[in-house]
Amino acid sequence: MGVDDEWRGIRGTFHILAGVDVDPDTYRDFEMLTGALAVQMDL
């Protein structure tokens, strides 16, 4: 998932690479909402 936008003639882009969370329900929701990889990990 990524976003392209422009503001005052300046173009910006970002892409979600991955997410990390300790809660399995949260990381599954993250994957569903963003389409990006999520990893369950207790840092």
N, C-alpha and C. Protein backbone atom coordinates (compact mmCIF):
# COMPACT_ATOMS: atom_id res chain seq x y z
N MET A 1 0.85 -1.17 0.00
CA MET A 1 0.00 0.00 0.00
C MET A 1 0.89 1.23 0.00
N GLY A 2 0.51 2.21 -0.75
CA GLY A 2 1.26 3.46 -0.78
C GLY A 2 0.34 4.60 -1.13
N VAL A 3 0.85 5.79 -0.98
CA VAL A 3 0.06 6.99 -1.26
C VAL A 3 0.93 7.95 -2.07
N ASP A 4 0.34 8.51 -3.10
CA ASP A 4 0.97 9.57 -3.88
C ASP A 4 0.10 10.81 -3.71
N ASP A 5 0.72 11.94 -3.43
CA ASP A 5 -0.03 13.18 -3.27
C ASP A 5 0.84 14.35 -3.68
N GLU A 6 0.19 15.47 -3.88
CA GLU A 6 0.93 16.67 -4.27
C GLU A 6 0.43 17.85 -3.45
N TRP A 7 1.36 18.70 -3.02
CA TRP A 7 1.03 19.89 -2.24
C TRP A 7 1.92 21.03 -2.73
N ARG A 8 1.31 22.06 -3.22
CA ARG A 8 2.02 23.24 -3.72
C ARG A 8 3.08 22.87 -4.76
N GLY A 9 2.74 21.93 -5.61
CA GLY A 9 3.66 21.54 -6.67
C GLY A 9 4.75 20.56 -6.24
N ILE A 10 4.73 20.16 -4.98
CA ILE A 10 5.72 19.19 -4.49
C ILE A 10 5.04 17.83 -4.37
N ARG A 11 5.59 16.85 -5.05
CA ARG A 11 4.99 15.52 -5.05
C ARG A 11 5.63 14.67 -3.95
N GLY A 12 4.79 13.96 -3.20
CA GLY A 12 5.28 13.08 -2.13
C GLY A 12 4.71 11.69 -2.27
N THR A 13 5.47 10.70 -1.85
CA THR A 13 5.06 9.30 -1.93
C THR A 13 5.53 8.57 -0.68
N PHE A 14 4.71 7.66 -0.16
CA PHE A 14 5.20 6.76 0.87
C PHE A 14 4.61 5.38 0.65
N HIS A 15 5.33 4.37 1.12
CA HIS A 15 4.92 2.98 0.99
C HIS A 15 5.12 2.30 2.35
N ILE A 16 4.14 1.53 2.77
CA ILE A 16 4.25 0.78 4.01
C ILE A 16 5.03 -0.50 3.72
N LEU A 17 6.13 -0.70 4.44
CA LEU A 17 6.94 -1.90 4.23
C LEU A 17 6.47 -3.05 5.10
N ALA A 18 6.20 -2.78 6.39
CA ALA A 18 5.77 -3.83 7.31
C ALA A 18 5.36 -3.20 8.64
N GLY A 19 4.71 -3.99 9.45
CA GLY A 19 4.33 -3.55 10.80
C GLY A 19 4.74 -4.62 11.80
N VAL A 20 4.98 -4.19 13.03
CA VAL A 20 5.36 -5.12 14.11
C VAL A 20 4.45 -4.86 15.30
N ASP A 21 3.89 -5.91 15.86
CA ASP A 21 3.04 -5.77 17.05
C ASP A 21 3.09 -7.06 17.84
N VAL A 22 2.82 -6.98 19.13
CA VAL A 22 2.84 -8.15 20.00
C VAL A 22 1.48 -8.86 20.00
N ASP A 23 0.41 -8.14 19.66
CA ASP A 23 -0.94 -8.68 19.71
C ASP A 23 -1.34 -9.29 18.36
N PRO A 24 -1.64 -10.60 18.32
CA PRO A 24 -1.96 -11.26 17.06
C PRO A 24 -3.19 -10.67 16.35
N ASP A 25 -4.21 -10.27 17.10
CA ASP A 25 -5.40 -9.68 16.48
C ASP A 25 -5.06 -8.36 15.80
N THR A 26 -4.20 -7.58 16.44
CA THR A 26 -3.83 -6.28 15.89
C THR A 26 -3.03 -6.44 14.60
N TYR A 27 -2.07 -7.35 14.58
CA TYR A 27 -1.27 -7.47 13.36
C TYR A 27 -2.08 -8.07 12.22
N ARG A 28 -3.06 -8.93 12.51
CA ARG A 28 -3.94 -9.43 11.45
C ARG A 28 -4.80 -8.30 10.88
N ASP A 29 -5.30 -7.43 11.75
CA ASP A 29 -6.06 -6.27 11.29
C ASP A 29 -5.19 -5.36 10.43
N PHE A 30 -3.94 -5.15 10.86
CA PHE A 30 -3.01 -4.31 10.10
C PHE A 30 -2.83 -4.86 8.68
N GLU A 31 -2.60 -6.17 8.58
CA GLU A 31 -2.42 -6.79 7.26
C GLU A 31 -3.67 -6.64 6.41
N MET A 32 -4.84 -6.82 7.03
CA MET A 32 -6.09 -6.72 6.28
C MET A 32 -6.31 -5.28 5.79
N LEU A 33 -6.04 -4.29 6.64
CA LEU A 33 -6.31 -2.90 6.29
C LEU A 33 -5.29 -2.31 5.33
N THR A 34 -4.02 -2.73 5.43
CA THR A 34 -2.97 -2.11 4.62
C THR A 34 -2.51 -2.96 3.45
N GLY A 35 -2.68 -4.28 3.57
CA GLY A 35 -2.15 -5.17 2.54
C GLY A 35 -0.66 -5.39 2.68
N ALA A 36 -0.05 -4.85 3.74
CA ALA A 36 1.39 -4.99 3.99
C ALA A 36 1.63 -6.12 4.99
N LEU A 37 2.82 -6.65 4.99
CA LEU A 37 3.24 -7.69 5.91
C LEU A 37 3.25 -7.18 7.34
N ALA A 38 2.81 -8.02 8.26
CA ALA A 38 2.91 -7.71 9.70
C ALA A 38 3.60 -8.88 10.39
N VAL A 39 4.36 -8.59 11.43
CA VAL A 39 5.12 -9.59 12.16
C VAL A 39 4.74 -9.52 13.62
N GLN A 40 4.46 -10.68 14.24
CA GLN A 40 4.19 -10.69 15.67
C GLN A 40 5.51 -10.88 16.39
N MET A 41 5.85 -9.92 17.25
CA MET A 41 7.13 -9.96 17.94
C MET A 41 7.04 -9.16 19.23
N ASP A 42 7.57 -9.71 20.31
CA ASP A 42 7.63 -9.00 21.59
C ASP A 42 9.04 -8.43 21.75
N LEU A 43 9.17 -7.14 21.48
CA LEU A 43 10.48 -6.52 21.58
C LEU A 43 10.79 -6.19 23.02
